[in-house]
Amino acid sequence: ASKSGQQVEIRPLFDPTVAPISSDISVRVYAKGDSIPGGRFLATHVASGVTQSVTVEAKGIGSFRLSDPGEWRLEFHHVESLKDDPEADLALYSATLTFTAGGAQ
């Protein structure tokens, strides 16, 4: 659950693999080591394709409902403006976290 020093990160506040189905799972999103207030991440139940879009609060924390057992994928994307790069105006950084919930194999 600690920061790993990547450009962008998704950090669960507790182990989602042991949470009961129907729990709310909280994560914090970071860019360059700082939490991102107002950032948004997607939580997708892979088997059903159902996606929850979550906007995080001031400390970069947001929660989604663990609605079903099985594989989950979280995605966070952060766009940064590049000022002194003659070849690009923007940089897009992405983080993905996957886990299996509810003891599904």
Protein backbone atom coordinates (compact mmCIF):
# COMPACT_ATOMS: atom_id res chain seq x y z
CA ALA A 1 0.00 0.00 0.00
CA SER A 2 2.99 2.35 -0.09
CA LYS A 3 3.96 4.65 -2.96
CA SER A 4 6.36 3.08 -5.44
CA GLY A 5 7.79 6.20 -7.11
CA GLN A 6 6.12 5.83 -10.51
CA GLN A 7 4.81 8.80 -12.54
CA VAL A 8 1.21 7.88 -11.59
CA GLU A 9 -0.04 5.36 -9.05
CA ILE A 10 -3.19 3.79 -7.67
CA ARG A 11 -2.75 2.83 -4.03
CA PRO A 12 -5.45 0.82 -2.23
CA LEU A 13 -5.94 1.88 1.39
CA PHE A 14 -6.44 -1.77 2.38
CA ASP A 15 -6.16 -5.16 0.66
CA PRO A 16 -9.14 -5.41 -1.74
CA THR A 17 -8.62 -9.16 -2.23
CA VAL A 18 -9.90 -9.90 1.28
CA ALA A 19 -12.83 -7.46 1.29
CA PRO A 20 -16.34 -8.92 1.31
CA ILE A 21 -18.47 -8.48 -1.80
CA SER A 22 -20.64 -5.32 -1.48
CA SER A 23 -17.85 -3.51 0.37
CA ASP A 24 -16.70 -0.04 -0.58
CA ILE A 25 -13.05 -0.11 -1.62
CA SER A 26 -11.02 3.07 -1.07
CA VAL A 27 -7.96 3.99 -3.10
CA ARG A 28 -5.75 7.07 -3.40
CA VAL A 29 -4.41 8.28 -6.74
CA TYR A 30 -1.03 9.98 -7.13
CA ALA A 31 0.88 11.80 -9.85
CA LYS A 32 4.61 12.35 -9.31
CA GLY A 33 4.18 11.43 -5.64
CA ASP A 34 1.39 13.90 -4.89
CA SER A 35 -2.26 13.01 -4.37
CA ILE A 36 -4.51 14.41 -7.10
CA PRO A 37 -7.61 16.21 -5.78
CA GLY A 38 -10.49 15.95 -8.23
CA GLY A 39 -8.76 13.18 -10.20
CA ARG A 40 -10.86 10.41 -11.65
CA PHE A 41 -10.34 6.66 -11.89
CA LEU A 42 -12.31 3.83 -13.43
CA ALA A 43 -13.11 0.56 -11.64
CA THR A 44 -14.19 -2.23 -14.01
CA HIS A 45 -15.51 -5.68 -13.14
CA VAL A 46 -13.78 -7.54 -15.98
CA ALA A 47 -16.27 -10.41 -16.50
CA SER A 48 -19.35 -8.18 -16.74
CA GLY A 49 -17.70 -5.08 -18.20
CA VAL A 50 -19.54 -2.89 -15.69
CA THR A 51 -17.47 0.22 -14.98
CA GLN A 52 -17.72 2.71 -12.14
CA SER A 53 -16.27 6.19 -12.71
CA VAL A 54 -15.03 7.72 -9.45
CA THR A 55 -13.96 11.32 -8.82
CA VAL A 56 -11.63 11.56 -5.83
CA GLU A 57 -11.88 14.12 -3.05
CA ALA A 58 -9.35 16.73 -1.87
CA LYS A 59 -6.83 14.18 -0.53
CA GLY A 60 -6.98 12.09 -3.72
CA ILE A 61 -9.14 9.37 -2.12
CA GLY A 62 -12.13 7.78 -3.82
CA SER A 63 -14.23 4.67 -3.24
CA PHE A 64 -16.03 2.19 -5.47
CA ARG A 65 -18.45 -0.63 -4.69
CA LEU A 66 -17.07 -4.17 -4.91
CA SER A 67 -20.30 -5.40 -6.47
CA ASP A 68 -19.21 -8.82 -7.78
CA PRO A 69 -16.56 -11.47 -7.18
CA GLY A 70 -13.84 -12.01 -9.76
CA GLU A 71 -11.24 -9.93 -11.53
CA TRP A 72 -11.29 -6.12 -11.21
CA ARG A 73 -9.25 -3.53 -13.12
CA LEU A 74 -8.64 0.02 -11.88
CA GLU A 75 -7.35 2.67 -14.29
CA PHE A 76 -6.05 6.17 -13.60
CA HIS A 77 -4.83 8.58 -16.29
CA HIS A 78 -3.12 11.93 -15.74
CA VAL A 79 -2.38 14.53 -18.44
CA GLU A 80 0.45 16.99 -18.01
CA SER A 81 1.15 20.06 -20.13
CA LEU A 82 4.66 20.17 -21.61
CA LYS A 83 6.08 23.69 -21.88
CA ASP A 84 9.52 23.33 -23.44
CA ASP A 85 9.08 20.30 -25.70
CA PRO A 86 9.07 21.24 -29.41
CA GLU A 87 7.63 17.85 -30.40
CA ALA A 88 4.72 17.46 -27.95
CA ASP A 89 2.24 19.62 -26.05
CA LEU A 90 1.01 16.99 -23.59
CA ALA A 91 2.18 13.87 -21.78
CA LEU A 92 -0.31 11.17 -20.75
CA TYR A 93 0.58 8.93 -17.82
CA SER A 94 -1.47 5.83 -16.95
CA ALA A 95 -1.63 3.42 -14.02
CA THR A 96 -3.52 0.14 -13.82
CA LEU A 97 -4.20 -2.09 -10.83
CA THR A 98 -5.81 -5.52 -11.15
CA PHE A 99 -6.96 -7.88 -8.40
CA THR A 100 -9.32 -10.79 -7.81
CA ALA A 101 -12.10 -10.28 -5.29
CA GLY A 102 -14.22 -12.70 -3.32
CA GLY A 103 -11.92 -15.69 -3.53
CA ALA A 104 -12.73 -16.31 -7.23
CA GLN A 105 -10.19 -18.46 -9.00
